[in-house]
Amino acid sequence: MVERKKITVGVIFGGQSGEHEVSLVSANSVINSLDRKKYQVIPIGITKSGHWLMGPDALKFLRTGQGVNFHHESIIPESNQQALVPIKKSISKLSQTQKGIYQGRLDVVFPVLHGPYGEDGTIQGLFELSDIPYVGAGVLASACGMDKVVMKALFRQSGIPTPKYIGVIRHDFEKHKSQIIKEIEKHIGYPNFIKPANLGSSVGISKSKNRAGLARGIRQAFKYDRKVIIEEAITGREIECSVMGHNEPIASLPGEVKSNREFYDYQAKYIDGLSEIILPAPLTNRQVKLIRDLAIQAFRSIDCSGLARIDFFLENKTGRILVNEINTMPGFTDISMYPKLWEITGLPYPRLLDKLIELAIFRHREKSLIKKSFKPSKNWYV
């Protein structure tokens, strides 16, 4: 019996964003859950300063600053390589050894990266130039899903119900602070939520109940992004739904998050561990169907592929179901909703990873059918 060749998966984690630490926890779960009978797993870490490290100790080094079994290697934008390439002249004084070097081809990349430079289309562009299959959304969907202002504009254009919002650029706020605050008060009101437009994991988010809190929250959000979004506060239940697929995406059963804090912030998500997760969410059949349909509609509205988690509000007073946002690389930690929702839908964690890798390879093959050259006829310009 011929043994099937293992698929080489490069799991990329870390990165230069405020969600660096969350990425490390997600990557640890993915690396430990990939079936070693099917995959050769290559850990690839990106430090906060942008250095790429490859090898068994890459994750350990990013988490603790310890470990020597790694080497400086990176993916380069040349489609004939499709592999990690050693950086011969080290650009840092990090300890390293030759034992961690991997010079083979990467069959697929699993970027477990959250936030800017990982979930916003930038690294996806590198994968495209390198012609390497990768898990998750493409360049356009990643960029649109990362920018909450653009994302919500696309939701509105697609007829998807979403809370009222206003986007603000730092430069404009500094020049017209009073005018912008009055506009927010008129169209959004209090209470409201202020968020960096291009960040996730609830980093930099605050809730304001008056003008002083609004100005303070906007300044706080500008520490993480040049653009912020101010959204109306919806009093209701927080529902989440996972989506997976390419041409024919499917949605999981919905789940519910009940935070022990005023809202589901970074502390509630990753530190205190006291938020209640209800799986599946206690909803009517009609509500479940509407949420799953809206989740797929939101997925398609940004031309997403691979995976995404869509977050909803179920408003107490009106019963309205509103799409809050889409996350194109949701958390993969032990407490993350994305894999948990698929588990209750009948897809266990290891099989979920298999499906996502299969989708990445399928999309790459589909894209390879597109012609990359054009030979015009003699009179094409007439």
Protein backbone atom coordinates (compact mmCIF):
# COMPACT_ATOMS: atom_id res chain seq x y z
CA MET A 1 0.00 0.00 0.00
CA VAL A 2 1.40 3.38 -1.05
CA GLU A 3 1.53 5.88 1.79
CA ARG A 4 -0.20 9.14 0.93
CA LYS A 5 2.10 12.16 0.85
CA LYS A 6 1.53 14.54 3.70
CA ILE A 7 0.34 18.06 2.96
CA THR A 8 2.85 20.66 4.14
CA VAL A 9 1.00 23.39 6.05
CA GLY A 10 2.72 26.59 7.10
CA VAL A 11 0.90 27.98 10.15
CA ILE A 12 1.65 31.71 10.43
CA PHE A 13 1.07 33.58 13.68
CA GLY A 14 2.02 36.65 15.68
CA GLY A 15 2.28 39.73 13.50
CA GLN A 16 2.49 43.47 13.93
CA SER A 17 -0.90 44.29 15.41
CA GLY A 18 -2.63 44.83 18.72
CA GLU A 19 -3.97 41.28 18.40
CA HIS A 20 -0.51 39.66 18.40
CA GLU A 21 -1.05 37.81 21.69
CA VAL A 22 -4.48 36.51 20.66
CA SER A 23 -2.92 35.16 17.46
CA LEU A 24 -0.38 33.13 19.47
CA VAL A 25 -3.12 31.44 21.46
CA SER A 26 -5.13 30.72 18.30
CA ALA A 27 -2.07 29.31 16.53
CA ASN A 28 -1.24 27.04 19.46
CA SER A 29 -4.71 25.45 19.16
CA VAL A 30 -4.43 25.03 15.38
CA ILE A 31 -0.90 23.57 15.49
CA ASN A 32 -1.82 21.07 18.21
CA SER A 33 -5.03 20.01 16.44
CA LEU A 34 -3.74 19.40 12.90
CA ASP A 35 -3.57 15.66 12.20
CA ARG A 36 0.13 14.71 11.91
CA LYS A 37 -0.86 11.67 9.83
CA LYS A 38 -2.13 14.05 7.14
CA TYR A 39 0.02 17.15 7.57
CA GLN A 40 3.60 18.23 7.99
CA VAL A 41 3.16 21.33 10.13
CA ILE A 42 5.64 24.21 9.76
CA PRO A 43 5.32 26.89 12.50
CA ILE A 44 6.06 30.39 11.15
CA GLY A 45 6.12 33.30 13.57
CA ILE A 46 6.19 37.01 12.83
CA THR A 47 7.56 39.18 15.65
CA LYS A 48 6.08 42.54 16.62
CA SER A 49 9.03 44.15 14.84
CA GLY A 50 8.25 42.23 11.63
CA HIS A 51 10.94 39.51 11.68
CA TRP A 52 9.89 36.09 10.32
CA LEU A 53 10.96 33.03 12.32
CA MET A 54 10.49 29.43 11.21
CA GLY A 55 11.02 26.32 13.31
CA PRO A 56 9.76 24.29 16.27
CA ASP A 57 10.61 27.04 18.77
CA ALA A 58 9.07 29.94 16.81
CA LEU A 59 5.83 29.96 18.82
CA LYS A 60 7.69 29.49 22.10
CA PHE A 61 10.02 32.39 21.29
CA LEU A 62 7.17 34.76 20.47
CA ARG A 63 5.36 33.79 23.68
CA THR A 64 8.29 33.76 26.12
CA GLY A 65 11.38 35.15 24.39
CA GLN A 66 13.06 31.78 24.88
CA GLY A 67 14.05 29.03 22.48
CA VAL A 68 16.78 28.55 19.89
CA ASN A 69 15.35 26.04 17.41
CA PHE A 70 14.25 28.44 14.70
CA HIS A 71 15.71 30.32 11.75
CA HIS A 72 15.03 33.49 9.79
CA GLU A 73 13.00 32.49 6.74
CA SER A 74 10.16 34.16 4.92
CA ILE A 75 7.83 33.83 1.95
CA ILE A 76 8.93 35.95 -0.97
CA PRO A 77 6.67 37.26 -3.77
CA GLU A 78 7.98 34.96 -6.51
CA SER A 79 5.55 32.37 -7.80
CA ASN A 80 8.34 29.98 -8.82
CA GLN A 81 9.42 29.57 -5.18
CA GLN A 82 6.19 28.67 -3.35
CA ALA A 83 8.30 28.03 -0.27
CA LEU A 84 10.04 29.57 2.69
CA VAL A 85 13.34 31.15 1.67
CA PRO A 86 16.20 31.55 4.19
CA ILE A 87 17.30 35.08 5.00
CA LYS A 88 21.05 34.60 4.73
CA LYS A 89 22.04 37.89 6.32
CA SER A 90 20.25 38.07 9.62
CA ILE A 91 18.64 41.44 10.32
CA SER A 92 18.47 40.95 14.08
CA LYS A 93 20.53 39.52 16.90
CA LEU A 94 18.01 36.84 17.79
CA SER A 95 19.52 33.50 18.80
CA GLN A 96 19.14 30.92 16.05
CA THR A 97 20.29 27.49 14.94
CA GLN A 98 20.41 25.60 11.66
CA LYS A 99 18.22 22.79 13.04
CA GLY A 100 15.02 24.66 12.31
CA ILE A 101 15.63 25.28 8.61
CA TYR A 102 12.94 24.07 6.21
CA GLN A 103 13.59 24.50 2.51
CA GLY A 104 10.76 22.46 1.02
CA ARG A 105 7.66 23.60 -0.79
CA LEU A 106 4.62 24.85 1.12
CA ASP A 107 1.44 23.19 -0.10
CA VAL A 108 -0.81 25.59 1.78
CA VAL A 109 -0.55 28.41 4.32
CA PHE A 110 -2.83 28.77 7.33
CA PRO A 111 -2.49 32.42 8.47
CA VAL A 112 -3.77 32.49 12.03
CA LEU A 113 -3.27 36.25 12.12
CA HIS A 114 -5.72 38.78 13.52
CA GLY A 115 -5.86 42.49 12.82
CA PRO A 116 -3.69 44.73 10.59
CA TYR A 117 -0.97 43.11 8.44
CA GLY A 118 -2.62 39.73 8.86
CA GLU A 119 -6.36 39.95 8.38
CA ASP A 120 -6.58 43.07 6.24
CA GLY A 121 -5.46 41.78 2.84
CA THR A 122 -1.78 42.73 3.11
CA ILE A 123 -0.33 39.28 3.77
CA GLN A 124 -2.99 37.75 1.51
CA GLY A 125 -1.48 39.84 -1.30
CA LEU A 126 1.90 38.27 -0.55
CA PHE A 127 0.38 34.79 -0.80
CA GLU A 128 -1.20 35.71 -4.14
CA LEU A 129 2.10 36.97 -5.55
CA SER A 130 3.82 33.85 -4.24
CA ASP A 131 1.11 31.64 -5.80
CA ILE A 132 0.65 29.69 -2.56
CA PRO A 133 -2.80 28.40 -1.53
CA TYR A 134 -3.96 29.94 1.75
CA VAL A 135 -6.78 29.47 4.21
CA GLY A 136 -9.30 32.27 4.51
CA ALA A 137 -10.58 35.26 2.61
CA GLY A 138 -8.82 36.81 -0.38
CA VAL A 139 -7.31 40.28 -0.62
CA LEU A 140 -10.53 42.20 -1.30
CA ALA A 141 -12.71 40.43 1.27
CA SER A 142 -9.98 40.63 3.91
CA ALA A 143 -9.59 44.38 3.40
CA CYS A 144 -13.34 45.04 3.36
CA GLY A 145 -13.96 42.81 6.37
CA MET A 146 -11.20 44.52 8.34
CA ASP A 147 -12.43 48.06 7.74
CA LYS A 148 -15.68 48.31 9.68
CA VAL A 149 -16.78 51.48 7.86
CA VAL A 150 -16.38 49.93 4.40
CA MET A 151 -17.88 46.67 5.64
CA LYS A 152 -21.04 48.34 6.91
CA ALA A 153 -21.38 50.36 3.71
CA LEU A 154 -21.36 47.07 1.77
CA PHE A 155 -23.91 45.62 4.19
CA ARG A 156 -26.22 48.57 3.55
CA GLN A 157 -25.74 48.29 -0.21
CA SER A 158 -26.73 44.61 0.00
CA GLY A 159 -29.84 45.40 2.02
CA ILE A 160 -28.47 43.81 5.21
CA PRO A 161 -29.85 45.42 8.40
CA THR A 162 -27.03 46.89 10.53
CA PRO A 163 -26.88 49.43 13.40
CA LYS A 164 -26.47 53.13 12.56
CA TYR A 165 -22.86 54.27 12.33
CA ILE A 166 -20.52 57.14 11.45
CA GLY A 167 -16.88 56.82 10.40
CA VAL A 168 -14.34 59.48 11.41
CA ILE A 169 -10.76 60.10 10.22
CA ARG A 170 -8.22 61.42 12.76
CA HIS A 171 -7.26 64.40 10.58
CA ASP A 172 -10.90 65.47 10.20
CA PHE A 173 -11.59 65.06 13.90
CA GLU A 174 -8.63 67.23 14.86
CA LYS A 175 -9.82 69.99 12.49
CA HIS A 176 -13.59 69.76 13.10
CA LYS A 177 -13.97 68.15 16.52
CA SER A 178 -17.00 70.16 17.66
CA GLN A 179 -18.88 69.73 14.38
CA ILE A 180 -18.24 65.96 14.24
CA ILE A 181 -19.33 65.43 17.85
CA LYS A 182 -22.58 67.32 17.18
CA GLU A 183 -23.18 65.18 14.07
CA ILE A 184 -22.64 61.99 16.10
CA GLU A 185 -25.02 63.21 18.79
CA LYS A 186 -27.66 64.04 16.16
CA HIS A 187 -27.49 60.83 14.10
CA ILE A 188 -26.26 58.24 16.62
CA GLY A 189 -27.02 59.62 20.09
CA TYR A 190 -26.11 58.10 23.46
CA PRO A 191 -25.11 55.56 24.49
CA ASN A 192 -22.83 54.57 21.64
CA PHE A 193 -19.77 52.45 20.96
CA ILE A 194 -16.45 53.76 19.66
CA LYS A 195 -14.09 51.36 17.90
CA PRO A 196 -10.90 51.48 15.82
CA ALA A 197 -12.13 50.81 12.27
CA ASN A 198 -9.38 48.28 11.47
CA LEU A 199 -8.94 46.19 14.59
CA GLY A 200 -10.68 43.24 16.21
CA SER A 201 -10.75 41.24 19.46
CA SER A 202 -12.47 44.26 21.07
CA VAL A 203 -9.13 46.09 21.31
CA GLY A 204 -9.54 49.86 21.81
CA ILE A 205 -13.34 49.71 22.16
CA SER A 206 -15.23 51.90 24.62
CA LYS A 207 -18.83 52.82 25.37
CA SER A 208 -19.79 56.46 25.81
CA LYS A 209 -22.85 57.85 27.59
CA ASN A 210 -22.13 61.57 27.25
CA ARG A 211 -20.03 64.10 25.32
CA ALA A 212 -16.98 63.81 27.59
CA GLY A 213 -17.00 60.01 27.27
CA LEU A 214 -17.42 60.26 23.51
CA ALA A 215 -14.40 62.54 23.06
CA ARG A 216 -12.34 60.36 25.40
CA GLY A 217 -13.36 57.16 23.58
CA ILE A 218 -12.52 58.61 20.16
CA ARG A 219 -9.06 59.66 21.35
CA GLN A 220 -8.53 56.17 22.78
CA ALA A 221 -9.56 54.48 19.52
CA PHE A 222 -7.25 56.76 17.50
CA LYS A 223 -4.30 55.19 19.34
CA TYR A 224 -4.93 52.03 17.31
CA ASP A 225 -6.10 53.38 13.94
CA ARG A 226 -6.38 56.60 11.91
CA LYS A 227 -10.07 55.82 11.34
CA VAL A 228 -12.69 55.10 13.99
CA ILE A 229 -16.32 54.08 13.81
CA ILE A 230 -19.06 55.23 16.18
CA GLU A 231 -22.08 52.92 16.34
CA GLU A 232 -25.43 53.13 18.04
CA ALA A 233 -25.69 50.96 21.13
CA ILE A 234 -28.23 48.18 20.67
CA THR A 235 -29.85 46.80 23.81
CA GLY A 236 -30.33 43.13 23.18
CA ARG A 237 -28.76 39.72 22.85
CA GLU A 238 -25.43 39.07 21.14
CA ILE A 239 -25.65 36.20 18.65
CA GLU A 240 -22.82 34.73 16.57
CA CYS A 241 -22.85 32.46 13.53
CA SER A 242 -19.98 30.76 11.69
CA VAL A 243 -19.80 30.53 7.89
CA MET A 244 -17.56 28.37 5.75
CA GLY A 245 -17.26 27.79 2.02
CA HIS A 246 -16.41 29.28 -1.33
CA ASN A 247 -18.96 29.29 -4.14
CA GLU A 248 -21.68 27.73 -1.95
CA PRO A 249 -21.05 28.85 1.66
CA ILE A 250 -22.88 27.22 4.56
CA ALA A 251 -23.71 28.57 8.02
CA SER A 252 -23.51 26.93 11.42
CA LEU A 253 -26.11 26.94 14.14
CA PRO A 254 -26.04 30.26 16.02
CA GLY A 255 -24.63 30.70 19.52
CA GLU A 256 -25.13 33.38 22.14
CA VAL A 257 -22.64 35.36 24.22
CA LYS A 258 -23.62 36.77 27.61
CA SER A 259 -20.91 39.01 28.99
CA ASN A 260 -20.42 39.56 32.71
CA ARG A 261 -19.29 43.08 31.88
CA GLU A 262 -21.15 46.04 30.39
CA PHE A 263 -20.13 44.83 26.95
CA TYR A 264 -18.10 41.97 25.47
CA ASP A 265 -14.69 43.62 25.61
CA TYR A 266 -11.13 42.23 25.48
CA GLN A 267 -11.13 41.53 29.24
CA ALA A 268 -14.36 39.54 28.99
CA LYS A 269 -13.21 37.61 25.92
CA TYR A 270 -9.70 36.56 26.86
CA ILE A 271 -8.85 37.30 30.51
CA ASP A 272 -11.56 36.91 33.16
CA GLY A 273 -13.25 33.94 31.44
CA LEU A 274 -16.57 34.67 33.13
CA SER A 275 -18.64 35.38 30.01
CA GLU A 276 -21.35 32.81 29.41
CA ILE A 277 -21.48 31.02 26.05
CA ILE A 278 -24.81 29.38 25.19
CA LEU A 279 -24.61 26.72 22.46
CA PRO A 280 -26.83 26.60 20.55
CA ALA A 281 -28.56 29.92 21.20
CA PRO A 282 -32.17 29.57 22.44
CA LEU A 283 -33.97 30.92 19.40
CA THR A 284 -37.10 30.14 17.42
CA ASN A 285 -36.76 28.18 14.19
CA ARG A 286 -37.64 31.35 12.27
CA GLN A 287 -34.91 33.32 14.02
CA VAL A 288 -32.33 30.58 13.41
CA LYS A 289 -33.16 30.47 9.71
CA LEU A 290 -33.03 34.27 9.37
CA ILE A 291 -29.68 34.48 11.17
CA ARG A 292 -28.13 31.74 9.03
CA ASP A 293 -29.48 33.33 5.84
CA LEU A 294 -28.19 36.78 6.85
CA ALA A 295 -24.81 35.29 7.78
CA ILE A 296 -24.41 33.85 4.29
CA GLN A 297 -25.64 37.11 2.75
CA ALA A 298 -23.05 39.08 4.76
CA PHE A 299 -20.36 36.59 3.73
CA ARG A 300 -21.25 37.07 0.07
CA SER A 301 -21.57 40.87 0.38
CA ILE A 302 -17.79 41.26 0.77
CA ASP A 303 -17.02 38.37 -1.64
CA CYS A 304 -15.64 36.29 1.23
CA SER A 305 -14.18 32.80 0.95
CA GLY A 306 -12.92 30.17 3.36
CA LEU A 307 -14.28 31.21 6.71
CA ALA A 308 -15.86 34.02 8.68
CA ARG A 309 -17.78 34.60 11.87
CA ILE A 310 -20.74 36.96 11.66
CA ASP A 311 -21.89 38.79 14.79
CA PHE A 312 -25.51 39.83 15.33
CA PHE A 313 -27.71 41.78 17.71
CA LEU A 314 -31.22 40.59 18.57
CA GLU A 315 -32.82 43.82 19.82
CA ASN A 316 -34.92 43.41 22.95
CA LYS A 317 -37.51 46.07 22.27
CA THR A 318 -38.27 45.40 18.60
CA GLY A 319 -37.06 41.83 17.98
CA ARG A 320 -35.00 43.13 15.05
CA ILE A 321 -32.01 41.01 14.00
CA LEU A 322 -29.09 43.23 12.98
CA VAL A 323 -25.74 42.23 11.53
CA ASN A 324 -23.02 43.93 13.56
CA GLU A 325 -19.85 42.79 11.77
CA ILE A 326 -17.99 40.05 9.94
CA ASN A 327 -14.65 38.61 11.07
CA THR A 328 -12.68 36.99 8.24
CA MET A 329 -10.13 35.34 10.56
CA PRO A 330 -11.97 34.74 13.83
CA GLY A 331 -10.23 33.41 16.91
CA PHE A 332 -9.26 29.74 17.07
CA THR A 333 -8.55 29.58 20.81
CA ASP A 334 -10.04 26.92 23.06
CA ILE A 335 -12.85 29.33 23.98
CA SER A 336 -13.39 30.79 20.49
CA MET A 337 -16.89 30.72 19.08
CA TYR A 338 -16.01 29.89 15.48
CA PRO A 339 -14.93 26.27 16.07
CA LYS A 340 -17.41 25.78 18.90
CA LEU A 341 -20.32 26.71 16.62
CA TRP A 342 -19.22 24.19 14.01
CA GLU A 343 -18.82 21.54 16.69
CA ILE A 344 -22.46 21.85 17.77
CA THR A 345 -23.44 21.81 14.08
CA GLY A 346 -21.72 18.43 13.70
CA LEU A 347 -18.21 19.32 12.54
CA PRO A 348 -15.47 18.61 15.13
CA TYR A 349 -12.36 20.82 15.35
CA PRO A 350 -9.86 18.55 13.48
CA ARG A 351 -12.31 17.98 10.62
CA LEU A 352 -13.03 21.73 10.50
CA LEU A 353 -9.31 22.36 9.92
CA ASP A 354 -9.33 19.71 7.17
CA LYS A 355 -12.27 21.43 5.46
CA LEU A 356 -10.61 24.86 5.58
CA ILE A 357 -7.40 23.51 4.06
CA GLU A 358 -9.41 21.69 1.36
CA LEU A 359 -11.21 24.94 0.53
CA ALA A 360 -7.89 26.81 0.27
CA ILE A 361 -6.49 24.26 -2.18
CA PHE A 362 -9.74 24.17 -4.19
CA ARG A 363 -9.87 27.96 -4.54
CA HIS A 364 -6.23 28.03 -5.66
CA ARG A 365 -6.92 25.39 -8.33
CA GLU A 366 -10.00 27.28 -9.49
CA LYS A 367 -7.99 30.49 -9.79
CA SER A 368 -5.27 28.71 -11.74
CA LEU A 369 -7.81 28.22 -14.57
CA ILE A 370 -7.90 31.97 -15.19
CA LYS A 371 -5.90 33.04 -18.22
CA LYS A 372 -2.90 35.21 -17.38
CA SER A 373 -2.08 36.34 -20.89
CA PHE A 374 -3.95 37.91 -23.77
CA LYS A 375 -3.00 37.74 -27.41
CA PRO A 376 -4.96 40.39 -29.34
CA SER A 377 -6.00 40.00 -32.94
CA LYS A 378 -4.35 42.25 -35.51
CA ASN A 379 -7.27 44.69 -35.56
CA TRP A 380 -8.18 44.54 -31.85
CA TYR A 381 -7.82 48.31 -31.46
CA VAL A 382 -10.24 49.18 -34.27
